[in-house]
C-alpha cells in the first residue's frame, strides 16, 4: 500500500489550501482514509476520517468547522479542504489508511505565515 500526500506548502494566515491523498495497493473494498497532523513539539492528532463503503465521515471535535474531508473520484484521492488557517495550524499533515492494517504516508508540510 502506498499513500502519497500533496498540496502542502507555505500559506498565508486566512488561506484555504487543499491537501490530497492518493492511495494505491489497497486490497479490500471497505477501507478508511484519515488525515492526521503533527505540529512542532506536539503529539500527532487526528483530524478527520472517511470510509469507503458508505462515504461516512468523522471529525475530531476540535477540528469541526474549518476542515472538510471528501473523496474525489476523478482524481482517485481523498482530500482535506482546510479553511481560514491560523499559525497554530502549522504542522506536517499525514494521510493514513486502514485496510485491515494501518498505513501512513510520508507527510506534507503546511506552514502558515501570519
Protein backbone atom coordinates (compact mmCIF):
# COMPACT_ATOMS: atom_id res chain seq x y z
CA UNK A 1 0.00 0.00 0.00
CA UNK A 2 1.30 3.43 -0.92
CA UNK A 3 -0.08 6.76 0.26
CA UNK A 4 1.13 9.98 -1.31
CA UNK A 5 0.12 13.38 0.07
CA UNK A 6 0.23 16.59 -1.94
CA UNK A 7 -0.90 20.17 -1.65
CA UNK A 8 1.18 21.40 1.25
CA UNK A 9 3.43 24.43 1.31
CA UNK A 10 3.56 27.97 2.61
CA UNK A 11 0.15 29.53 3.19
CA UNK A 12 -0.79 32.97 4.46
CA UNK A 13 -3.00 33.20 7.52
CA UNK A 14 -6.62 33.04 6.43
CA UNK A 15 -5.76 30.89 3.44
CA UNK A 16 -7.65 27.77 2.36
CA UNK A 17 -5.36 25.10 0.92
CA UNK A 18 -6.50 21.67 -0.14
CA UNK A 19 -4.49 18.54 0.54
CA UNK A 20 -4.85 15.33 -1.46
CA UNK A 21 -4.07 11.74 -0.56
CA UNK A 22 -3.57 9.27 -3.38
CA UNK A 23 -3.81 5.67 -2.21
CA UNK A 24 -2.73 2.62 -4.18
CA UNK A 25 -2.45 -1.05 -3.41
CA UNK A 26 -5.41 -1.26 -1.06
CA UNK A 27 -6.77 -4.80 -1.06
CA UNK A 28 -10.20 -4.63 0.49
CA UNK A 29 -13.19 -2.67 -0.80
CA UNK A 30 -14.06 -1.49 2.71
CA UNK A 31 -11.28 0.73 3.99
CA UNK A 32 -10.85 4.06 5.72
CA UNK A 33 -8.70 7.06 4.91
CA UNK A 34 -7.88 9.57 7.61
CA UNK A 35 -5.91 12.78 7.98
CA UNK A 36 -3.66 13.49 10.94
CA UNK A 37 -1.27 16.30 11.73
CA UNK A 38 1.79 16.74 13.90
CA UNK A 39 2.78 20.23 14.97
CA UNK A 40 6.28 21.04 16.26
CA UNK A 41 6.66 19.82 19.83
CA UNK A 42 3.20 18.26 19.90
CA UNK A 43 1.78 14.77 19.52
CA UNK A 44 0.22 13.62 16.30
CA UNK A 45 -3.52 14.29 16.35
CA UNK A 46 -6.40 13.09 14.23
CA UNK A 47 -8.39 15.49 12.08
CA UNK A 48 -10.92 13.54 10.08
CA UNK A 49 -11.74 10.14 8.62
CA UNK A 50 -13.59 8.92 5.52
CA UNK A 51 -14.98 5.42 5.00
CA UNK A 52 -15.08 3.95 1.51
CA UNK A 53 -18.09 1.66 1.98
CA UNK A 54 -20.65 4.42 2.51
CA UNK A 55 -18.75 7.71 2.37
CA UNK A 56 -19.36 8.28 6.05
CA UNK A 57 -17.10 10.89 7.67
CA UNK A 58 -15.92 11.66 11.17
CA UNK A 59 -14.27 14.78 12.55
CA UNK A 60 -12.36 15.24 15.76
CA UNK A 61 -14.39 17.71 17.88
CA UNK A 62 -11.65 20.34 17.82
CA UNK A 63 -11.42 20.12 14.03
CA UNK A 64 -15.06 20.61 13.14
CA UNK A 65 -15.87 23.70 11.13
CA UNK A 66 -12.62 24.51 9.32
CA UNK A 67 -11.71 21.11 7.87
CA UNK A 68 -13.67 19.10 5.32
CA UNK A 69 -12.78 15.61 4.10
CA UNK A 70 -14.08 14.30 0.80
CA UNK A 71 -13.33 11.83 -1.96
CA UNK A 72 -12.54 12.92 -5.49
CA UNK A 73 -13.46 10.09 -7.83
CA UNK A 74 -11.96 11.84 -10.86
CA UNK A 75 -8.55 12.10 -9.21
CA UNK A 76 -8.98 8.95 -7.09
CA UNK A 77 -7.94 10.83 -3.98
CA UNK A 78 -9.27 11.64 -0.55
CA UNK A 79 -8.90 15.35 0.02
CA UNK A 80 -8.77 17.60 3.05
CA UNK A 81 -10.06 21.11 2.49
CA UNK A 82 -8.69 23.46 5.13
CA UNK A 83 -10.24 26.90 5.59
CA UNK A 84 -9.16 30.07 7.36
CA UNK A 85 -5.87 28.67 8.53
CA UNK A 86 -4.04 30.13 11.51
CA UNK A 87 -0.39 29.99 12.54
CA UNK A 88 -1.32 27.22 15.01
CA UNK A 89 -2.27 25.02 12.06
CA UNK A 90 1.38 24.81 11.00
CA UNK A 91 2.22 21.11 11.02
CA UNK A 92 3.13 18.09 8.97
CA UNK A 93 -0.11 16.63 7.66
CA UNK A 94 -0.28 12.87 7.21
CA UNK A 95 -2.59 10.61 5.28
CA UNK A 96 -3.47 7.32 6.99
CA UNK A 97 -5.25 4.27 5.65
CA UNK A 98 -6.82 1.31 7.41
CA UNK A 99 -7.20 -1.79 5.23
CA UNK A 100 -7.05 -4.46 7.94
CA UNK A 101 -3.66 -2.92 8.68
CA UNK A 102 -2.52 0.65 9.25
CA UNK A 103 -0.52 2.54 6.64
CA UNK A 104 0.98 6.04 6.67
CA UNK A 105 2.05 8.48 4.01
CA UNK A 106 5.29 10.41 4.23
CA UNK A 107 3.52 13.62 5.22
CA UNK A 108 3.30 17.07 3.68
CA UNK A 109 4.41 20.24 5.44
CA UNK A 110 1.91 23.08 5.79
CA UNK A 111 3.37 26.32 7.12
CA UNK A 112 1.01 29.18 7.89
CA UNK A 113 2.59 32.62 7.93
CA UNK A 114 0.97 35.44 9.86
